[in-house]
Amino acid sequence: MSTGTRDRLVTAVAELMRVHGYSAVTVKQITAASGAPMGSLYHHFPGGKPQIAAEALRTSGAAYIQLLPLLMDPHDDLRAAVPAAFAAAADTIEQSGWMNMCPVGTVAGEIADSEPDLRAVAAEVVTDWIDRGTSYFVRRGLTPTDARETILAILSALEGAFILSRTLRSAEPLHAAGAAMAARLENLLSAPKAAAAPQRANRDLDATRAAADQR
C-alpha cells in the first residue's frame, strides 16, 4: 500500500480534527474523507484513530510553525514583522468564514484531561514550536531568554485571539494581539543595550542552569 494513501489519511484526519476536534471524528469519516478503505487505515495505523490522530498533530504542527519565517522574513524590523503576521492571520480567518485555524490548538484544549497520550503528543508539538520559535528570534537578534519569552507570548496571544475572533466573528482580537506583541518588541529592542545586558545575561545564565538541572 502506497505512502500516498498514508498521507491522504493523515491529511484527512488533520482537517477533520481542525473542524470537529478529536472526539467527534469517526473512523468512518476518516475513510470517507481520505478515499481510503478501512483495511488501508489499519494497515498504516494499526493503533487506529489515536495513532493516526497523533501523526496528524505532528504533521500539521510541523507545517504550522513554518509560517513563522514565511510571514516574518519579508520584514527587516521585528516590530513590523510580528503585527504583519497577526494581520495575515486575521485576514485568513475572516476569509475562511471564521473556521478553526489549527488542529493542534483545537485538539489540545479538548483532550487535555481525557486523552493523556494524545495530550503528550500535543505537548511535544508545542514544545517544538517554542524551540523553533526561540531559535528564529535569536537569529533575528534577541537574546535566548527574550526570544523564548517572545515566542511563548506570541503563541499564547495567537491561540487566544483565534478563540475570541471566532466567537465574536471579528478580526479585532487578532489585530489587538498583534499590536500588543509589537509593543513588547518595541520595549525589548529600544531598551539601552548597555543597561539591559547584565540583567539579561543573568537571566540567560539562570535559564541555562535550569535546563542543565533537568537533564
N, C-alpha and C. Protein backbone atom coordinates (compact mmCIF):
# COMPACT_ATOMS: atom_id res chain seq x y z
N MET A 1 0.85 -1.20 0.00
CA MET A 1 0.00 0.00 0.00
C MET A 1 0.88 1.24 0.00
N SER A 2 0.53 2.22 -0.79
CA SER A 2 1.41 3.34 -1.04
C SER A 2 1.45 4.33 0.11
N THR A 3 2.58 5.07 0.14
CA THR A 3 2.68 6.15 1.11
C THR A 3 1.69 7.26 0.79
N GLY A 4 1.23 7.31 -0.50
CA GLY A 4 0.22 8.29 -0.87
C GLY A 4 -1.07 8.09 -0.09
N THR A 5 -1.45 6.85 0.12
CA THR A 5 -2.64 6.53 0.90
C THR A 5 -2.44 6.97 2.35
N ARG A 6 -1.26 6.68 2.88
CA ARG A 6 -0.97 7.09 4.25
C ARG A 6 -1.06 8.60 4.41
N ASP A 7 -0.47 9.32 3.46
CA ASP A 7 -0.50 10.78 3.52
C ASP A 7 -1.93 11.32 3.42
N ARG A 8 -2.75 10.68 2.58
CA ARG A 8 -4.14 11.12 2.46
C ARG A 8 -4.89 10.91 3.77
N LEU A 9 -4.62 9.82 4.43
CA LEU A 9 -5.26 9.56 5.72
C LEU A 9 -4.88 10.61 6.76
N VAL A 10 -3.58 10.91 6.82
CA VAL A 10 -3.11 11.90 7.80
C VAL A 10 -3.69 13.28 7.50
N THR A 11 -3.69 13.66 6.23
CA THR A 11 -4.24 14.97 5.84
C THR A 11 -5.73 15.05 6.16
N ALA A 12 -6.45 13.97 5.89
CA ALA A 12 -7.89 13.95 6.17
C ALA A 12 -8.17 14.10 7.66
N VAL A 13 -7.40 13.40 8.48
CA VAL A 13 -7.62 13.48 9.92
C VAL A 13 -7.28 14.87 10.45
N ALA A 14 -6.19 15.45 9.97
CA ALA A 14 -5.82 16.79 10.41
C ALA A 14 -6.94 17.79 10.10
N GLU A 15 -7.52 17.68 8.90
CA GLU A 15 -8.60 18.60 8.52
C GLU A 15 -9.87 18.33 9.33
N LEU A 16 -10.20 17.06 9.53
CA LEU A 16 -11.39 16.72 10.32
C LEU A 16 -11.25 17.21 11.76
N MET A 17 -10.06 17.04 12.34
CA MET A 17 -9.86 17.48 13.72
C MET A 17 -9.85 19.00 13.81
N ARG A 18 -9.34 19.66 12.78
CA ARG A 18 -9.35 21.12 12.80
C ARG A 18 -10.78 21.64 12.89
N VAL A 19 -11.69 20.98 12.20
CA VAL A 19 -13.08 21.43 12.15
C VAL A 19 -13.89 20.90 13.33
N HIS A 20 -13.71 19.61 13.65
CA HIS A 20 -14.61 18.95 14.61
C HIS A 20 -13.96 18.62 15.95
N GLY A 21 -12.64 18.77 16.07
CA GLY A 21 -11.98 18.28 17.26
C GLY A 21 -11.67 16.80 17.13
N TYR A 22 -11.28 16.18 18.22
CA TYR A 22 -10.88 14.77 18.19
C TYR A 22 -12.06 13.82 18.43
N SER A 23 -12.81 14.05 19.49
CA SER A 23 -13.82 13.08 19.92
C SER A 23 -14.90 12.87 18.87
N ALA A 24 -15.27 13.91 18.15
CA ALA A 24 -16.39 13.81 17.21
C ALA A 24 -16.02 13.11 15.90
N VAL A 25 -14.74 12.95 15.64
CA VAL A 25 -14.30 12.33 14.39
C VAL A 25 -14.37 10.82 14.50
N THR A 26 -14.99 10.18 13.50
CA THR A 26 -15.12 8.72 13.50
C THR A 26 -14.21 8.11 12.44
N VAL A 27 -13.93 6.84 12.60
CA VAL A 27 -13.12 6.12 11.61
C VAL A 27 -13.81 6.13 10.25
N LYS A 28 -15.13 6.02 10.25
CA LYS A 28 -15.89 6.05 9.00
C LYS A 28 -15.70 7.38 8.29
N GLN A 29 -15.71 8.48 9.05
CA GLN A 29 -15.47 9.80 8.45
C GLN A 29 -14.06 9.88 7.86
N ILE A 30 -13.10 9.29 8.57
CA ILE A 30 -11.71 9.34 8.10
C ILE A 30 -11.56 8.63 6.76
N THR A 31 -12.13 7.44 6.65
CA THR A 31 -12.01 6.70 5.39
C THR A 31 -12.77 7.41 4.27
N ALA A 32 -13.91 8.00 4.58
CA ALA A 32 -14.68 8.71 3.55
C ALA A 32 -13.92 9.95 3.07
N ALA A 33 -13.35 10.71 4.00
CA ALA A 33 -12.65 11.94 3.64
C ALA A 33 -11.36 11.67 2.88
N SER A 34 -10.71 10.57 3.21
CA SER A 34 -9.42 10.25 2.57
C SER A 34 -9.57 9.44 1.30
N GLY A 35 -10.74 8.81 1.12
CA GLY A 35 -10.92 7.92 -0.02
C GLY A 35 -10.18 6.61 0.12
N ALA A 36 -9.77 6.28 1.35
CA ALA A 36 -9.02 5.05 1.60
C ALA A 36 -9.94 4.01 2.25
N PRO A 37 -9.79 2.75 1.88
CA PRO A 37 -10.61 1.71 2.51
C PRO A 37 -10.19 1.48 3.96
N MET A 38 -11.07 0.88 4.73
CA MET A 38 -10.81 0.61 6.14
C MET A 38 -9.53 -0.21 6.32
N GLY A 39 -9.31 -1.18 5.44
CA GLY A 39 -8.12 -2.02 5.55
C GLY A 39 -6.84 -1.22 5.43
N SER A 40 -6.84 -0.18 4.58
CA SER A 40 -5.65 0.66 4.42
C SER A 40 -5.37 1.45 5.69
N LEU A 41 -6.44 1.93 6.31
CA LEU A 41 -6.25 2.70 7.54
C LEU A 41 -5.54 1.86 8.59
N TYR A 42 -6.02 0.63 8.80
CA TYR A 42 -5.42 -0.20 9.84
C TYR A 42 -4.10 -0.83 9.42
N HIS A 43 -3.84 -0.86 8.10
CA HIS A 43 -2.51 -1.29 7.64
C HIS A 43 -1.46 -0.26 8.02
N HIS A 44 -1.76 1.00 7.74
CA HIS A 44 -0.80 2.07 8.03
C HIS A 44 -0.82 2.46 9.51
N PHE A 45 -1.95 2.32 10.15
CA PHE A 45 -2.10 2.75 11.55
C PHE A 45 -2.81 1.66 12.34
N PRO A 46 -2.05 0.63 12.74
CA PRO A 46 -2.67 -0.47 13.50
C PRO A 46 -3.33 -0.01 14.78
N GLY A 47 -2.86 1.11 15.32
CA GLY A 47 -3.46 1.64 16.55
C GLY A 47 -4.75 2.38 16.33
N GLY A 48 -5.18 2.47 15.08
CA GLY A 48 -6.47 3.09 14.79
C GLY A 48 -6.48 4.60 14.95
N LYS A 49 -7.61 5.11 15.36
CA LYS A 49 -7.82 6.56 15.44
C LYS A 49 -6.80 7.28 16.33
N PRO A 50 -6.46 6.78 17.52
CA PRO A 50 -5.47 7.50 18.34
C PRO A 50 -4.11 7.64 17.65
N GLN A 51 -3.69 6.59 16.97
CA GLN A 51 -2.38 6.64 16.32
C GLN A 51 -2.37 7.60 15.14
N ILE A 52 -3.41 7.56 14.33
CA ILE A 52 -3.44 8.46 13.18
C ILE A 52 -3.64 9.91 13.63
N ALA A 53 -4.38 10.10 14.72
CA ALA A 53 -4.55 11.46 15.25
C ALA A 53 -3.21 12.03 15.73
N ALA A 54 -2.41 11.19 16.37
CA ALA A 54 -1.10 11.64 16.84
C ALA A 54 -0.22 12.04 15.67
N GLU A 55 -0.25 11.25 14.61
CA GLU A 55 0.56 11.57 13.43
C GLU A 55 0.05 12.85 12.77
N ALA A 56 -1.25 13.03 12.74
CA ALA A 56 -1.81 14.24 12.15
C ALA A 56 -1.41 15.48 12.94
N LEU A 57 -1.37 15.37 14.26
CA LEU A 57 -0.94 16.50 15.08
C LEU A 57 0.52 16.85 14.80
N ARG A 58 1.37 15.84 14.72
CA ARG A 58 2.79 16.10 14.45
C ARG A 58 2.98 16.73 13.07
N THR A 59 2.29 16.20 12.08
CA THR A 59 2.45 16.70 10.71
C THR A 59 1.94 18.13 10.57
N SER A 60 0.73 18.37 11.07
CA SER A 60 0.16 19.71 10.95
C SER A 60 0.93 20.71 11.82
N GLY A 61 1.42 20.25 12.96
CA GLY A 61 2.22 21.14 13.82
C GLY A 61 3.50 21.57 13.14
N ALA A 62 4.16 20.65 12.45
CA ALA A 62 5.39 20.98 11.74
C ALA A 62 5.12 21.98 10.62
N ALA A 63 3.98 21.84 9.96
CA ALA A 63 3.63 22.78 8.89
C ALA A 63 3.27 24.15 9.46
N TYR A 64 2.60 24.16 10.60
CA TYR A 64 2.11 25.40 11.20
C TYR A 64 3.27 26.32 11.58
N ILE A 65 4.32 25.77 12.19
CA ILE A 65 5.41 26.62 12.67
C ILE A 65 6.24 27.17 11.51
N GLN A 66 6.15 26.54 10.34
CA GLN A 66 6.87 27.06 9.18
C GLN A 66 6.30 28.39 8.70
N LEU A 67 5.08 28.72 9.16
CA LEU A 67 4.51 30.01 8.80
C LEU A 67 5.25 31.17 9.45
N LEU A 68 5.96 30.89 10.56
CA LEU A 68 6.66 31.96 11.27
C LEU A 68 7.66 32.67 10.38
N PRO A 69 8.66 31.98 9.83
CA PRO A 69 9.59 32.69 8.93
C PRO A 69 8.93 33.14 7.64
N LEU A 70 7.97 32.36 7.16
CA LEU A 70 7.31 32.72 5.90
C LEU A 70 6.65 34.09 5.99
N LEU A 71 6.01 34.37 7.12
CA LEU A 71 5.30 35.64 7.28
C LEU A 71 6.18 36.77 7.78
N MET A 72 7.26 36.44 8.50
CA MET A 72 8.07 37.48 9.13
C MET A 72 9.34 37.84 8.37
N ASP A 73 9.88 36.91 7.61
CA ASP A 73 11.13 37.18 6.91
C ASP A 73 11.08 38.36 5.95
N PRO A 74 9.93 38.64 5.31
CA PRO A 74 9.91 39.81 4.41
C PRO A 74 10.12 41.15 5.10
N HIS A 75 10.06 41.17 6.44
CA HIS A 75 10.18 42.42 7.18
C HIS A 75 11.52 42.45 7.93
N ASP A 76 12.31 43.48 7.69
CA ASP A 76 13.60 43.61 8.35
C ASP A 76 13.46 43.91 9.84
N ASP A 77 12.42 44.61 10.20
CA ASP A 77 12.21 45.03 11.59
C ASP A 77 11.16 44.13 12.23
N LEU A 78 11.52 43.48 13.34
CA LEU A 78 10.57 42.61 14.03
C LEU A 78 9.33 43.36 14.49
N ARG A 79 9.49 44.64 14.77
CA ARG A 79 8.35 45.43 15.23
C ARG A 79 7.30 45.59 14.14
N ALA A 80 7.70 45.40 12.91
CA ALA A 80 6.75 45.38 11.80
C ALA A 80 6.36 43.95 11.43
N ALA A 81 7.30 43.02 11.61
CA ALA A 81 7.07 41.63 11.20
C ALA A 81 5.96 40.97 12.01
N VAL A 82 5.99 41.19 13.32
CA VAL A 82 5.02 40.49 14.18
C VAL A 82 3.59 40.94 13.93
N PRO A 83 3.28 42.24 13.94
CA PRO A 83 1.90 42.62 13.65
C PRO A 83 1.47 42.24 12.24
N ALA A 84 2.42 42.21 11.29
CA ALA A 84 2.08 41.78 9.93
C ALA A 84 1.64 40.31 9.93
N ALA A 85 2.29 39.49 10.74
CA ALA A 85 1.90 38.08 10.84
C ALA A 85 0.50 37.95 11.45
N PHE A 86 0.23 38.73 12.47
CA PHE A 86 -1.10 38.69 13.08
C PHE A 86 -2.16 39.21 12.10
N ALA A 87 -1.81 40.23 11.33
CA ALA A 87 -2.74 40.77 10.33
C ALA A 87 -3.05 39.71 9.26
N ALA A 88 -2.02 38.95 8.86
CA ALA A 88 -2.23 37.88 7.89
C ALA A 88 -3.15 36.81 8.47
N ALA A 89 -2.95 36.48 9.75
CA ALA A 89 -3.83 35.51 10.41
C ALA A 89 -5.26 36.04 10.47
N ALA A 90 -5.42 37.33 10.72
CA ALA A 90 -6.76 37.94 10.78
C ALA A 90 -7.44 37.85 9.41
N ASP A 91 -6.70 38.16 8.36
CA ASP A 91 -7.27 38.07 7.01
C ASP A 91 -7.69 36.64 6.68
N THR A 92 -6.84 35.69 7.05
CA THR A 92 -7.10 34.29 6.73
C THR A 92 -8.34 33.78 7.44
N ILE A 93 -8.45 34.05 8.74
CA ILE A 93 -9.59 33.52 9.48
C ILE A 93 -10.89 34.18 9.03
N GLU A 94 -10.83 35.46 8.67
CA GLU A 94 -12.03 36.15 8.20
C GLU A 94 -12.46 35.60 6.84
N GLN A 95 -11.50 35.41 5.94
CA GLN A 95 -11.81 34.90 4.61
C GLN A 95 -12.31 33.46 4.65
N SER A 96 -11.91 32.71 5.69
CA SER A 96 -12.34 31.31 5.81
C SER A 96 -13.75 31.18 6.37
N GLY A 97 -14.34 32.30 6.80
CA GLY A 97 -15.64 32.22 7.44
C GLY A 97 -15.54 31.87 8.91
N TRP A 98 -14.41 32.28 9.53
CA TRP A 98 -14.17 32.10 10.97
C TRP A 98 -14.01 30.63 11.35
N MET A 99 -13.32 29.90 10.51
CA MET A 99 -13.04 28.49 10.80
C MET A 99 -11.89 28.37 11.78
N ASN A 100 -11.81 27.21 12.45
CA ASN A 100 -10.63 26.90 13.25
C ASN A 100 -9.40 26.93 12.36
N MET A 101 -8.31 27.51 12.86
CA MET A 101 -7.11 27.65 12.05
C MET A 101 -6.12 26.51 12.26
N CYS A 102 -6.11 25.90 13.42
CA CYS A 102 -5.04 24.95 13.73
C CYS A 102 -5.59 23.74 14.47
N PRO A 103 -5.42 22.52 13.91
CA PRO A 103 -5.92 21.33 14.60
C PRO A 103 -5.23 21.08 15.93
N VAL A 104 -3.99 21.53 16.08
CA VAL A 104 -3.27 21.29 17.33
C VAL A 104 -3.96 22.04 18.47
N GLY A 105 -4.23 23.33 18.25
CA GLY A 105 -4.91 24.11 19.28
C GLY A 105 -6.30 23.60 19.56
N THR A 106 -7.03 23.20 18.50
CA THR A 106 -8.38 22.68 18.68
C THR A 106 -8.39 21.43 19.53
N VAL A 107 -7.50 20.50 19.21
CA VAL A 107 -7.48 19.21 19.91
C VAL A 107 -6.88 19.33 21.30
N ALA A 108 -5.84 20.15 21.45
CA ALA A 108 -5.15 20.24 22.74
C ALA A 108 -6.09 20.68 23.85
N GLY A 109 -6.91 21.66 23.57
CA GLY A 109 -7.84 22.12 24.59
C GLY A 109 -8.90 21.11 24.92
N GLU A 110 -9.28 20.32 23.93
CA GLU A 110 -10.36 19.34 24.10
C GLU A 110 -9.93 18.13 24.92
N ILE A 111 -8.71 17.64 24.66
CA ILE A 111 -8.33 16.33 25.22
C ILE A 111 -7.32 16.44 26.38
N ALA A 112 -7.04 17.65 26.84
CA ALA A 112 -6.00 17.84 27.86
C ALA A 112 -6.22 16.96 29.09
N ASP A 113 -7.48 16.75 29.48
CA ASP A 113 -7.79 15.97 30.69
C ASP A 113 -8.32 14.57 30.40
N SER A 114 -8.59 14.27 29.14
CA SER A 114 -9.26 13.00 28.84
C SER A 114 -8.42 12.01 28.05
N GLU A 115 -7.41 12.49 27.32
CA GLU A 115 -6.58 11.62 26.47
C GLU A 115 -5.11 11.91 26.77
N PRO A 116 -4.56 11.32 27.84
CA PRO A 116 -3.20 11.68 28.25
C PRO A 116 -2.14 11.40 27.18
N ASP A 117 -2.29 10.32 26.43
CA ASP A 117 -1.29 10.02 25.41
C ASP A 117 -1.31 11.06 24.29
N LEU A 118 -2.50 11.46 23.88
CA LEU A 118 -2.62 12.46 22.83
C LEU A 118 -2.22 13.84 23.34
N ARG A 119 -2.51 14.10 24.60
CA ARG A 119 -2.06 15.37 25.21
C ARG A 119 -0.54 15.45 25.18
N ALA A 120 0.12 14.32 25.43
CA ALA A 120 1.59 14.30 25.41
C ALA A 120 2.11 14.60 24.00
N VAL A 121 1.42 14.12 22.98
CA VAL A 121 1.81 14.43 21.60
C VAL A 121 1.62 15.91 21.32
N ALA A 122 0.50 16.47 21.76
CA ALA A 122 0.26 17.90 21.58
C ALA A 122 1.34 18.72 22.29
N ALA A 123 1.72 18.28 23.49
CA ALA A 123 2.78 18.97 24.23
C ALA A 123 4.10 18.89 23.48
N GLU A 124 4.37 17.75 22.88
CA GLU A 124 5.58 17.57 22.07
C GLU A 124 5.59 18.55 20.90
N VAL A 125 4.45 18.72 20.25
CA VAL A 125 4.34 19.64 19.12
C VAL A 125 4.55 21.08 19.57
N VAL A 126 3.88 21.46 20.65
CA VAL A 126 4.00 22.84 21.14
C VAL A 126 5.43 23.12 21.61
N THR A 127 6.06 22.15 22.24
CA THR A 127 7.46 22.32 22.66
C THR A 127 8.35 22.56 21.45
N ASP A 128 8.07 21.84 20.36
CA ASP A 128 8.84 22.06 19.13
C ASP A 128 8.60 23.47 18.59
N TRP A 129 7.36 23.94 18.66
CA TRP A 129 7.08 25.33 18.25
C TRP A 129 7.93 26.30 19.05
N ILE A 130 7.95 26.09 20.36
CA ILE A 130 8.68 27.01 21.25
C ILE A 130 10.17 26.98 20.92
N ASP A 131 10.71 25.78 20.73
CA ASP A 131 12.14 25.66 20.43
C ASP A 131 12.48 26.31 19.08
N ARG A 132 11.68 26.03 18.07
CA ARG A 132 11.93 26.60 16.75
C ARG A 132 11.74 28.12 16.76
N GLY A 133 10.70 28.56 17.47
CA GLY A 133 10.46 29.99 17.55
C GLY A 133 11.57 30.71 18.29
N THR A 134 12.07 30.09 19.36
CA THR A 134 13.19 30.67 20.10
C THR A 134 14.41 30.81 19.20
N SER A 135 14.73 29.75 18.47
CA SER A 135 15.88 29.80 17.56
C SER A 135 15.70 30.88 16.50
N TYR A 136 14.48 31.01 16.00
CA TYR A 136 14.21 32.02 14.97
C TYR A 136 14.45 33.42 15.51
N PHE A 137 13.93 33.72 16.69
CA PHE A 137 14.08 35.07 17.23
C PHE A 137 15.51 35.35 17.69
N VAL A 138 16.26 34.33 18.07
CA VAL A 138 17.68 34.52 18.35
C VAL A 138 18.40 34.92 17.07
N ARG A 139 18.06 34.25 15.96
CA ARG A 139 18.67 34.62 14.68
C ARG A 139 18.29 36.04 14.27
N ARG A 140 17.14 36.50 14.74
CA ARG A 140 16.70 37.85 14.42
C ARG A 140 17.23 38.88 15.42
N GLY A 141 18.08 38.45 16.36
CA GLY A 141 18.78 39.41 17.19
C GLY A 141 18.39 39.47 18.65
N LEU A 142 17.42 38.66 19.10
CA LEU A 142 17.05 38.68 20.51
C LEU A 142 17.96 37.76 21.32
N THR A 143 18.07 38.02 22.61
CA THR A 143 18.79 37.09 23.48
C THR A 143 17.97 35.81 23.61
N PRO A 144 18.61 34.71 24.00
CA PRO A 144 17.85 33.45 24.16
C PRO A 144 16.65 33.58 25.10
N THR A 145 16.83 34.28 26.21
CA THR A 145 15.71 34.44 27.15
C THR A 145 14.60 35.27 26.55
N ASP A 146 14.96 36.40 25.95
CA ASP A 146 13.94 37.25 25.33
C ASP A 146 13.27 36.55 24.16
N ALA A 147 14.04 35.75 23.42
CA ALA A 147 13.47 35.03 22.28
C ALA A 147 12.45 34.00 22.74
N ARG A 148 12.78 33.27 23.80
CA ARG A 148 11.84 32.26 24.31
C ARG A 148 10.58 32.93 24.86
N GLU A 149 10.74 33.99 25.61
CA GLU A 149 9.58 34.69 26.16
C GLU A 149 8.72 35.27 25.04
N THR A 150 9.36 35.71 23.96
CA THR A 150 8.62 36.30 22.85
C THR A 150 7.79 35.25 22.12
N ILE A 151 8.36 34.10 21.83
CA ILE A 151 7.57 33.09 21.11
C ILE A 151 6.46 32.54 22.01
N LEU A 152 6.72 32.41 23.30
CA LEU A 152 5.65 31.99 24.21
C LEU A 152 4.51 33.00 24.23
N ALA A 153 4.86 34.27 24.28
CA ALA A 153 3.84 35.32 24.29
C ALA A 153 3.06 35.33 22.97
N ILE A 154 3.76 35.17 21.86
CA ILE A 154 3.11 35.19 20.55
C ILE A 154 2.15 34.00 20.40
N LEU A 155 2.61 32.81 20.75
CA LEU A 155 1.75 31.64 20.64
C LEU A 155 0.51 31.77 21.53
N SER A 156 0.73 32.25 22.75
CA SER A 156 -0.39 32.42 23.68
C SER A 156 -1.38 33.45 23.15
N ALA A 157 -0.86 34.57 22.67
CA ALA A 157 -1.72 35.63 22.14
C ALA A 157 -2.46 35.16 20.89
N LEU A 158 -1.78 34.42 20.04
CA LEU A 158 -2.38 33.98 18.78
C LEU A 158 -3.51 32.98 19.03
N GLU A 159 -3.25 31.98 19.86
CA GLU A 159 -4.28 30.97 20.12
C GLU A 159 -5.48 31.58 20.83
N GLY A 160 -5.23 32.47 21.79
CA GLY A 160 -6.33 33.14 22.47
C GLY A 160 -7.12 34.04 21.54
N ALA A 161 -6.41 34.75 20.67
CA ALA A 161 -7.08 35.65 19.73
C ALA A 161 -7.91 34.88 18.71
N PHE A 162 -7.44 33.70 18.33
CA PHE A 162 -8.25 32.87 17.43
C PHE A 162 -9.60 32.54 18.06
N ILE A 163 -9.58 32.17 19.33
CA ILE A 163 -10.83 31.83 20.02
C ILE A 163 -11.77 33.04 20.07
N LEU A 164 -11.22 34.19 20.46
CA LEU A 164 -12.05 35.39 20.56
C LEU A 164 -12.58 35.82 19.19
N SER A 165 -11.73 35.75 18.17
CA SER A 165 -12.16 36.16 16.83
C SER A 165 -13.26 35.26 16.30
N ARG A 166 -13.14 33.96 16.53
CA ARG A 166 -14.19 33.05 16.07
C ARG A 166 -15.48 33.28 16.84
N THR A 167 -15.37 33.55 18.12
CA THR A 167 -16.56 33.77 18.94
C THR A 167 -17.27 35.06 18.57
N LEU A 168 -16.48 36.12 18.39
CA LEU A 168 -17.05 37.44 18.10
C LEU A 168 -17.31 37.67 16.62
N ARG A 169 -16.79 36.75 15.77
CA ARG A 169 -16.84 36.96 14.32
C ARG A 169 -16.23 38.32 13.98
N SER A 170 -15.05 38.53 14.52
CA SER A 170 -14.35 39.80 14.34
C SER A 170 -12.85 39.57 14.33
N ALA A 171 -12.15 40.28 13.46
CA ALA A 171 -10.69 40.20 13.41
C ALA A 171 -10.03 41.10 14.44
N GLU A 172 -10.82 41.89 15.15
CA GLU A 172 -10.25 42.84 16.10
C GLU A 172 -9.33 42.20 17.12
N PRO A 173 -9.69 41.06 17.73
CA PRO A 173 -8.77 40.46 18.71
C PRO A 173 -7.40 40.13 18.14
N LEU A 174 -7.33 39.68 16.91
CA LEU A 174 -6.04 39.36 16.31
C LEU A 174 -5.22 40.61 16.04
N HIS A 175 -5.87 41.67 15.58
CA HIS A 175 -5.14 42.91 15.37
C HIS A 175 -4.66 43.50 16.70
N ALA A 176 -5.50 43.40 17.74
CA ALA A 176 -5.10 43.91 19.06
C ALA A 176 -3.94 43.10 19.62
N ALA A 177 -3.98 41.77 19.44
CA ALA A 177 -2.89 40.92 19.92
C ALA A 177 -1.59 41.25 19.18
N GLY A 178 -1.69 41.48 17.88
CA GLY A 178 -0.50 41.85 17.11
C GLY A 178 0.09 43.17 17.58
N ALA A 179 -0.77 44.13 17.89
CA ALA A 179 -0.28 45.42 18.38
C ALA A 179 0.39 45.27 19.74
N ALA A 180 -0.18 44.41 20.59
CA ALA A 180 0.42 44.18 21.92
C ALA A 180 1.80 43.53 21.79
N MET A 181 1.93 42.58 20.87
CA MET A 181 3.23 41.94 20.66
C MET A 181 4.24 42.91 20.06
N ALA A 182 3.77 43.80 19.19
CA ALA A 182 4.68 44.81 18.63
C ALA A 182 5.16 45.76 19.71
N ALA A 183 4.28 46.13 20.65
CA ALA A 183 4.68 47.00 21.76
C ALA A 183 5.72 46.31 22.63
N ARG A 184 5.55 45.01 22.83
CA ARG A 184 6.53 44.26 23.63
C ARG A 184 7.90 44.29 22.95
N LEU A 185 7.91 44.06 21.66
CA LEU A 185 9.17 44.08 20.92
C LEU A 185 9.78 45.48 20.90
N GLU A 186 8.94 46.49 20.83
CA GLU A 186 9.44 47.87 20.89
C GLU A 186 10.20 48.10 22.19
N ASN A 187 9.65 47.61 23.28
CA ASN A 187 10.33 47.76 24.58
C ASN A 187 11.64 47.00 24.61
N LEU A 188 11.64 45.79 24.07
CA LEU A 188 12.86 44.98 24.07
C LEU A 188 13.95 45.60 23.21
N LEU A 189 13.57 46.02 22.01
CA LEU A 189 14.56 46.48 21.05
C LEU A 189 14.99 47.92 21.28
N SER A 190 14.18 48.68 22.01
CA SER A 190 14.53 50.08 22.28
C SER A 190 15.26 50.26 23.60
N ALA A 191 15.30 49.22 24.43
CA ALA A 191 15.98 49.33 25.73
C ALA A 191 17.47 49.58 25.51
N PRO A 192 18.07 50.45 26.32
CA PRO A 192 19.51 50.67 26.21
C PRO A 192 20.27 49.37 26.40
N LYS A 193 21.04 48.98 25.41
CA LYS A 193 21.70 47.68 25.46
C LYS A 193 22.69 47.59 26.62
N ALA A 194 23.38 48.65 26.91
CA ALA A 194 24.39 48.60 27.97
C ALA A 194 23.75 48.36 29.32
N ALA A 195 22.60 48.98 29.55
CA ALA A 195 21.94 48.82 30.85
C ALA A 195 21.26 47.47 30.94
N ALA A 196 20.75 46.98 29.80
CA ALA A 196 19.98 45.74 29.83
C ALA A 196 20.87 44.50 29.80
N ALA A 197 22.09 44.63 29.28
CA ALA A 197 22.93 43.46 29.07
C ALA A 197 23.20 42.65 30.32
N PRO A 198 23.64 43.26 31.46
CA PRO A 198 23.92 42.43 32.64
C PRO A 198 22.70 41.67 33.14
N GLN A 199 21.54 42.33 33.15
CA GLN A 199 20.34 41.67 33.64
C GLN A 199 19.96 40.50 32.74
N ARG A 200 20.04 40.72 31.43
CA ARG A 200 19.68 39.65 30.51
C ARG A 200 20.69 38.52 30.56
N ALA A 201 21.96 38.87 30.75
CA ALA A 201 22.99 37.83 30.86
C ALA A 201 22.71 36.94 32.06
N ASN A 202 22.32 37.55 33.17
CA ASN A 202 21.99 36.76 34.36
C ASN A 202 20.78 35.86 34.12
N ARG A 203 19.76 36.40 33.42
CA ARG A 203 18.59 35.59 33.14
C ARG A 203 18.93 34.43 32.22
N ASP A 204 19.78 34.69 31.21
CA ASP A 204 20.20 33.61 30.31
C ASP A 204 20.98 32.55 31.06
N LEU A 205 21.86 32.99 32.00
CA LEU A 205 22.63 32.05 32.79
C LEU A 205 21.71 31.20 33.66
N ASP A 206 20.72 31.84 34.27
CA ASP A 206 19.76 31.10 35.09
C ASP A 206 19.00 30.07 34.25
N ALA A 207 18.61 30.47 33.03
CA ALA A 207 17.89 29.57 32.16
C ALA A 207 18.76 28.38 31.76
N THR A 208 20.05 28.65 31.49
CA THR A 208 20.97 27.58 31.12
C THR A 208 21.16 26.60 32.28
N ARG A 209 21.31 27.15 33.49
CA ARG A 209 21.47 26.29 34.66
C ARG A 209 20.23 25.44 34.91
N ALA A 210 19.04 26.05 34.74
CA ALA A 210 17.80 25.32 34.95
C ALA A 210 17.68 24.18 33.95
N ALA A 211 18.06 24.44 32.69
CA ALA A 211 18.00 23.40 31.67
C ALA A 211 18.97 22.28 32.00
N ALA A 212 20.16 22.64 32.49
CA ALA A 212 21.16 21.63 32.86
C ALA A 212 20.67 20.77 34.02
N ASP A 213 19.99 21.39 34.98
CA ASP A 213 19.49 20.65 36.14
C ASP A 213 18.43 19.63 35.74
N GLN A 214 17.70 19.91 34.64
CA GLN A 214 16.64 19.00 34.22
C GLN A 214 17.17 17.81 33.45
N ARG A 215 18.43 17.89 33.01
CA ARG A 215 18.99 16.77 32.24
C ARG A 215 19.36 15.60 33.15
